[in-house]
Amino acid sequence: MKLTITGYFDLNPSLDDTIEILKRNQLSQVILRSYNHRPLLEMNDQDIRELQFKLKSEKIEIAMLDTMIEPYPIESKKKQKEALDEFIYFIKLSSKLKVDYLLMELPVFHDCIKEIKSIEKVLEPFIEQALINRKTIVIKPSKDYRANVYAYLIKKMKTEALKLAFNPVMVMNQNESETTAYRLLKKHMVVFMAKDQDRINEPQLLGYGKTDMLNLFKRLIRDRYNGFVFADHDFSEKDLVFDPEKIGFFKRIFGKEKKRKEAYLQTLQKRLFPNEPDKKISIDDITDNQINVLKVVFK
C-alpha cells in the first residue's frame, strides 16, 4: 500500500461537488459517509448501481466507508445489537463497493483497564465479522479517550482487523503531546487526519496552528508512513465571515471580537494569497491549499 491523500470533501453534500474537488486536485480516492443527502444506511440497490457507475466513469475509488454508527454504552445490549446490525449492513455494502476499510468510533466506557473484559466482549462480534469478510475496522478518535487508551485496547485485542485513525487536534485538546501520542499509536495507524487548530479551537492552515504539525510530518516521512492522509479541514463558511450574533448589544465585547476576527481573516488571506490582497477567501481555496501542502510534504 502507498500513501494516499484522500478525504470526505463533502461540506457540500452533493457527490458531483465532491468529485469536482477530487478531479481539480488530481485525487482518485474518496471517503463516503452519505449519498445524495442521505445516510449510507438508506442506500438501495439502485443507489449502489448509480454510485458505482458515476465513480467508475470518473475513475474514482472509495478509500473507505464511514459507518457513522453512534457510540453506545457498553452495558446496553440493545444498543450493541442495533450497532452490530448496522455494521453487518456496512460489511455487505463495502463488499458490493469493493471497499476494505470501515470507520467506526469506540463504544462508551469510563475506565479502559477496569472494563477491558466488557469492552472486549462488546467488540468481538464486530471483529469477527470483519475477519470473516476480510475487512479492517478503523477506529475514529473520540474526544473522550486519550492516546494510551487506544494503545492499551489495541494491545489487548491482538487482531489485525483493528486499526487506528490519528487526529492531532483531538490529541492537543486532551492536553497531550501530539508527538508522544504518535509514538504510542504509529504501529497501528492507517489514517492520519491532517488538521490544525489554535488554542481557542479555531481552525488554522496546516503548520500554522498549535498541533506540532511540522514535527508530525517529519516523523511520518521518517517512518515511511504509507497509509491514508485525510485532507479534510475544520473550516466552515462561518469561519470566513464576521457574524456578531447577540454580542452586538455589548459594544466593548463586539469591538474586541470584531478586531480579533478581522485579524484572523487578514492572516488567512495573506497566507493563502500573499500577492492578491483583495482576493476573497472561499472554502474551496482552503481545501485546495490543504491538498497542495500535503502533496508537497509527501512528494
Protein backbone atom coordinates (compact mmCIF):
# COMPACT_ATOMS: atom_id res chain seq x y z
CA MET A 1 0.00 0.00 0.00
CA LYS A 2 1.28 3.50 -0.82
CA LEU A 3 0.49 6.76 0.95
CA THR A 4 -2.86 8.06 -0.31
CA ILE A 5 -4.21 11.59 0.08
CA THR A 6 -7.97 11.44 0.35
CA GLY A 7 -10.91 12.88 2.27
CA TYR A 8 -14.66 13.31 2.61
CA PHE A 9 -14.76 16.66 0.78
CA ASP A 10 -18.49 16.84 1.49
CA LEU A 11 -19.08 20.21 3.15
CA ASN A 12 -21.49 20.50 0.27
CA PRO A 13 -23.18 17.06 0.35
CA SER A 14 -23.51 16.82 -3.45
CA LEU A 15 -21.43 13.95 -4.83
CA ASP A 16 -20.86 15.96 -8.00
CA ASP A 17 -19.23 18.73 -5.96
CA THR A 18 -17.06 16.19 -4.17
CA ILE A 19 -15.98 14.69 -7.49
CA GLU A 20 -15.13 18.17 -8.77
CA ILE A 21 -12.78 18.72 -5.81
CA LEU A 22 -11.10 15.36 -6.43
CA LYS A 23 -10.66 15.98 -10.16
CA ARG A 24 -9.46 19.54 -9.68
CA ASN A 25 -6.75 18.31 -7.31
CA GLN A 26 -5.95 15.11 -9.22
CA LEU A 27 -7.02 12.79 -6.40
CA SER A 28 -8.53 9.40 -7.12
CA GLN A 29 -9.97 8.18 -3.80
CA VAL A 30 -12.80 9.42 -1.61
CA ILE A 31 -14.28 8.57 1.80
CA LEU A 32 -18.04 8.16 1.89
CA ARG A 33 -20.39 8.82 4.80
CA SER A 34 -23.51 9.79 2.85
CA TYR A 35 -25.01 9.61 -0.62
CA ASN A 36 -27.45 12.03 -2.24
CA HIS A 37 -28.02 13.87 1.05
CA ARG A 38 -28.93 10.61 2.82
CA PRO A 39 -27.09 8.27 5.19
CA LEU A 40 -25.39 5.28 3.58
CA LEU A 41 -27.69 3.09 5.64
CA GLU A 42 -30.57 4.23 3.43
CA MET A 43 -28.95 3.25 0.14
CA ASN A 44 -30.90 0.83 -2.04
CA ASP A 45 -29.69 -1.32 -4.96
CA GLN A 46 -30.41 1.40 -7.48
CA ASP A 47 -28.39 3.91 -5.43
CA ILE A 48 -25.49 1.47 -5.33
CA ARG A 49 -25.56 0.94 -9.10
CA GLU A 50 -25.73 4.68 -9.74
CA LEU A 51 -22.83 5.32 -7.38
CA GLN A 52 -20.72 2.59 -8.94
CA PHE A 53 -21.38 3.89 -12.45
CA LYS A 54 -20.61 7.50 -11.55
CA LEU A 55 -17.37 6.70 -9.74
CA LYS A 56 -16.21 4.29 -12.43
CA SER A 57 -16.84 6.84 -15.19
CA GLU A 58 -14.81 9.42 -13.25
CA LYS A 59 -12.07 6.87 -12.39
CA ILE A 60 -12.55 7.41 -8.66
CA GLU A 61 -12.36 4.71 -5.99
CA ILE A 62 -13.77 4.59 -2.47
CA ALA A 63 -10.95 4.54 0.08
CA MET A 64 -13.23 3.67 2.99
CA LEU A 65 -16.75 3.94 4.33
CA ASP A 66 -17.56 5.88 7.47
CA THR A 67 -20.26 3.87 9.21
CA MET A 68 -21.35 6.87 11.34
CA ILE A 69 -22.55 4.34 13.93
CA GLU A 70 -23.39 6.25 17.09
CA PRO A 71 -21.22 5.31 20.10
CA TYR A 72 -23.28 3.38 22.64
CA PRO A 73 -22.76 2.43 26.32
CA ILE A 74 -21.07 -0.97 26.65
CA GLU A 75 -23.69 -2.02 29.20
CA SER A 76 -26.56 -1.57 26.73
CA LYS A 77 -27.18 -4.89 24.97
CA LYS A 78 -30.00 -3.35 22.95
CA LYS A 79 -27.77 -0.58 21.57
CA GLN A 80 -24.99 -3.06 20.91
CA LYS A 81 -27.31 -5.26 18.86
CA GLU A 82 -28.52 -2.27 16.85
CA ALA A 83 -24.94 -1.18 16.19
CA LEU A 84 -23.91 -4.69 15.17
CA ASP A 85 -26.86 -4.95 12.77
CA GLU A 86 -25.79 -1.66 11.19
CA PHE A 87 -22.20 -2.86 10.99
CA ILE A 88 -23.24 -6.06 9.22
CA TYR A 89 -25.10 -3.90 6.69
CA PHE A 90 -21.88 -1.93 6.11
CA ILE A 91 -19.93 -5.16 5.69
CA LYS A 92 -22.29 -6.15 2.87
CA LEU A 93 -22.25 -2.66 1.35
CA SER A 94 -18.47 -2.48 1.45
CA SER A 95 -18.23 -5.83 -0.33
CA LYS A 96 -20.52 -4.59 -3.10
CA LEU A 97 -18.47 -1.42 -3.44
CA LYS A 98 -15.12 -3.26 -3.11
CA VAL A 99 -14.05 -1.32 -0.03
CA ASP A 100 -11.83 -2.87 2.65
CA TYR A 101 -11.84 -0.21 5.41
CA LEU A 102 -14.72 0.76 7.71
CA LEU A 103 -14.51 3.73 10.07
CA MET A 104 -16.21 3.41 13.44
CA GLU A 105 -15.99 5.01 16.89
CA LEU A 106 -15.46 3.01 20.06
CA PRO A 107 -18.42 2.33 22.37
CA VAL A 108 -18.77 4.40 25.53
CA PHE A 109 -16.88 3.28 28.64
CA HIS A 110 -15.25 5.00 31.60
CA ASP A 111 -12.16 3.05 32.65
CA CYS A 112 -10.47 1.01 29.94
CA ILE A 113 -8.37 -1.09 32.32
CA LYS A 114 -11.18 -1.92 34.75
CA GLU A 115 -13.72 -2.52 31.99
CA ILE A 116 -11.46 -4.25 29.46
CA LYS A 117 -13.28 -7.60 29.65
CA SER A 118 -16.62 -5.95 28.93
CA ILE A 119 -15.10 -3.88 26.11
CA GLU A 120 -13.56 -6.98 24.55
CA LYS A 121 -16.87 -8.82 24.75
CA VAL A 122 -18.66 -5.94 23.01
CA LEU A 123 -16.06 -5.56 20.24
CA GLU A 124 -15.52 -9.26 19.50
CA PRO A 125 -18.58 -9.77 17.24
CA PHE A 126 -17.59 -6.72 15.17
CA ILE A 127 -14.05 -8.01 14.80
CA GLU A 128 -15.34 -11.48 13.95
CA GLN A 129 -17.49 -10.07 11.13
CA ALA A 130 -14.54 -8.04 9.86
CA LEU A 131 -12.22 -11.04 9.85
CA ILE A 132 -14.72 -13.34 8.12
CA ASN A 133 -15.24 -10.77 5.37
CA ARG A 134 -11.61 -9.59 5.15
CA LYS A 135 -12.39 -6.07 6.27
CA THR A 136 -10.48 -3.71 8.56
CA ILE A 137 -12.14 -1.64 11.26
CA VAL A 138 -10.53 1.78 11.60
CA ILE A 139 -11.24 3.33 14.99
CA LYS A 140 -12.13 7.00 14.71
CA PRO A 141 -10.68 9.04 17.57
CA SER A 142 -13.01 10.44 20.19
CA LYS A 143 -12.53 13.49 22.39
CA ASP A 144 -13.32 11.24 25.37
CA TYR A 145 -10.26 8.96 25.17
CA ARG A 146 -6.56 9.64 25.49
CA ALA A 147 -3.87 8.04 23.34
CA ASN A 148 -2.88 5.47 25.97
CA VAL A 149 -6.47 4.14 25.95
CA TYR A 150 -6.24 3.29 22.25
CA ALA A 151 -2.75 1.82 22.70
CA TYR A 152 -3.88 -0.38 25.60
CA LEU A 153 -7.03 -1.54 23.84
CA ILE A 154 -5.24 -2.45 20.59
CA LYS A 155 -2.61 -4.37 22.55
CA LYS A 156 -5.28 -6.33 24.40
CA MET A 157 -7.41 -7.14 21.34
CA LYS A 158 -4.47 -8.67 19.42
CA THR A 159 -6.04 -8.55 15.96
CA GLU A 160 -5.00 -7.15 12.59
CA ALA A 161 -8.67 -6.35 11.92
CA LEU A 162 -8.46 -3.32 14.22
CA LYS A 163 -6.50 -0.21 13.19
CA LEU A 164 -6.47 3.46 14.20
CA ALA A 165 -7.06 6.92 12.80
CA PHE A 166 -4.91 9.68 14.34
CA ASN A 167 -6.29 13.20 14.81
CA PRO A 168 -3.67 15.65 16.19
CA VAL A 169 -6.32 18.26 17.04
CA MET A 170 -8.11 15.86 19.39
CA VAL A 171 -4.78 14.90 20.97
CA MET A 172 -3.93 18.57 21.54
CA ASN A 173 -7.34 19.23 23.05
CA GLN A 174 -6.68 16.42 25.55
CA ASN A 175 -3.57 18.39 26.64
CA GLU A 176 -1.37 15.59 25.39
CA SER A 177 1.83 15.78 23.36
CA GLU A 178 0.99 15.05 19.72
CA THR A 179 4.42 13.53 19.04
CA THR A 180 4.20 11.30 22.13
CA ALA A 181 0.72 10.13 21.11
CA TYR A 182 2.02 9.46 17.60
CA ARG A 183 4.87 7.35 19.01
CA LEU A 184 2.39 5.30 21.05
CA LEU A 185 -0.01 4.68 18.15
CA LYS A 186 2.05 4.75 14.95
CA LYS A 187 2.33 0.97 14.56
CA HIS A 188 -1.44 0.70 14.37
CA MET A 189 -2.24 3.83 12.32
CA VAL A 190 -3.72 3.58 8.84
CA VAL A 191 -5.21 7.10 8.83
CA PHE A 192 -3.60 10.45 9.61
CA MET A 193 -6.09 13.33 9.82
CA ALA A 194 -4.15 16.40 8.66
CA LYS A 195 -5.89 19.07 10.71
CA ASP A 196 -4.52 22.07 12.56
CA GLN A 197 -6.07 24.37 15.14
CA ASP A 198 -5.14 27.06 17.65
CA ARG A 199 -5.68 27.07 21.40
CA ILE A 200 -9.09 28.72 21.15
CA ASN A 201 -10.44 25.98 18.87
CA GLU A 202 -10.28 27.95 15.65
CA PRO A 203 -9.10 26.04 12.57
CA GLN A 204 -5.76 27.02 11.06
CA LEU A 205 -3.91 26.24 7.86
CA LEU A 206 -1.52 23.31 8.16
CA GLY A 207 1.58 24.24 10.11
CA TYR A 208 0.15 27.49 11.49
CA GLY A 209 -1.77 26.05 14.42
CA LYS A 210 -0.61 24.59 17.73
CA THR A 211 -0.63 20.85 16.94
CA ASP A 212 3.12 20.47 16.32
CA MET A 213 2.16 19.56 12.76
CA LEU A 214 5.63 20.09 11.27
CA ASN A 215 7.20 17.62 13.67
CA LEU A 216 4.43 15.14 12.95
CA PHE A 217 5.10 15.47 9.22
CA LYS A 218 8.81 14.83 9.83
CA ARG A 219 8.01 11.67 11.78
CA LEU A 220 5.59 10.40 9.15
CA ILE A 221 8.25 10.84 6.47
CA ARG A 222 10.97 9.32 8.67
CA ASP A 223 8.79 6.29 9.41
CA ARG A 224 7.82 5.92 5.74
CA TYR A 225 4.15 6.12 6.56
CA ASN A 226 2.12 4.51 3.79
CA GLY A 227 -1.49 4.80 4.94
CA PHE A 228 -4.24 7.32 4.22
CA VAL A 229 -3.87 11.05 4.84
CA PHE A 230 -7.21 12.82 5.24
CA ALA A 231 -7.02 16.29 3.68
CA ASP A 232 -10.30 17.48 5.19
CA HIS A 233 -10.13 20.52 7.45
CA ASP A 234 -12.38 22.02 10.10
CA PHE A 235 -13.03 25.35 8.37
CA SER A 236 -16.61 26.25 7.52
CA GLU A 237 -18.25 29.21 5.83
CA LYS A 238 -18.90 30.89 9.19
CA ASP A 239 -15.15 30.99 9.84
CA LEU A 240 -14.70 33.23 6.81
CA VAL A 241 -17.15 35.96 7.86
CA PHE A 242 -17.72 38.03 10.97
CA ASP A 243 -21.16 37.40 12.44
CA PRO A 244 -21.69 39.30 15.72
CA GLU A 245 -24.92 37.46 16.59
CA LYS A 246 -26.08 38.60 20.05
CA ILE A 247 -22.86 40.26 21.19
CA GLY A 248 -23.82 43.34 19.18
CA PHE A 249 -25.58 44.58 22.33
CA PHE A 250 -22.27 44.81 24.15
CA LYS A 251 -20.22 47.36 22.25
CA ARG A 252 -16.92 46.76 24.00
CA ILE A 253 -17.10 43.00 23.51
CA PHE A 254 -18.33 43.49 19.97
CA GLY A 255 -15.41 45.79 19.10
CA LYS A 256 -12.82 43.44 20.56
CA GLU A 257 -14.26 40.39 18.85
CA LYS A 258 -14.58 42.27 15.56
CA LYS A 259 -10.90 43.24 15.65
CA ARG A 260 -9.85 39.70 16.52
CA LYS A 261 -11.92 38.23 13.68
CA GLU A 262 -10.64 40.77 11.18
CA ALA A 263 -7.05 39.98 12.16
CA TYR A 264 -7.78 36.24 11.81
CA LEU A 265 -9.21 36.68 8.31
CA GLN A 266 -6.42 39.02 7.23
CA THR A 267 -3.82 36.48 8.35
CA LEU A 268 -5.58 33.72 6.43
CA GLN A 269 -5.76 35.90 3.35
CA LYS A 270 -2.04 36.79 3.46
CA ARG A 271 -1.05 33.15 3.86
CA LEU A 272 -3.26 31.94 1.02
CA PHE A 273 -2.83 34.84 -1.39
CA PRO A 274 0.22 36.93 -0.44
CA ASN A 275 0.24 38.65 -3.84
CA GLU A 276 -3.53 39.23 -4.09
CA PRO A 277 -4.50 41.36 -1.07
CA ASP A 278 -8.06 41.97 -2.30
CA LYS A 279 -8.94 38.38 -3.13
CA LYS A 280 -11.78 36.95 -1.04
CA ILE A 281 -11.17 33.55 0.55
CA SER A 282 -13.51 30.61 -0.11
CA ILE A 283 -13.74 27.16 1.42
CA ASP A 284 -12.55 25.72 -1.90
CA ASP A 285 -9.40 27.86 -1.63
CA ILE A 286 -8.65 26.39 1.78
CA THR A 287 -9.37 22.83 0.61
CA ASP A 288 -7.08 23.22 -2.41
CA ASN A 289 -4.36 24.73 -0.24
CA GLN A 290 -4.65 21.86 2.22
CA ILE A 291 -4.23 19.29 -0.54
CA ASN A 292 -1.37 21.15 -2.20
CA VAL A 293 0.54 21.39 1.09
CA LEU A 294 0.16 17.63 1.63
CA LYS A 295 1.33 16.92 -1.92
CA VAL A 296 4.47 18.97 -1.28
CA VAL A 297 5.12 17.34 2.10
CA PHE A 298 4.67 13.79 0.82
CA LYS A 299 6.05 14.16 -2.70
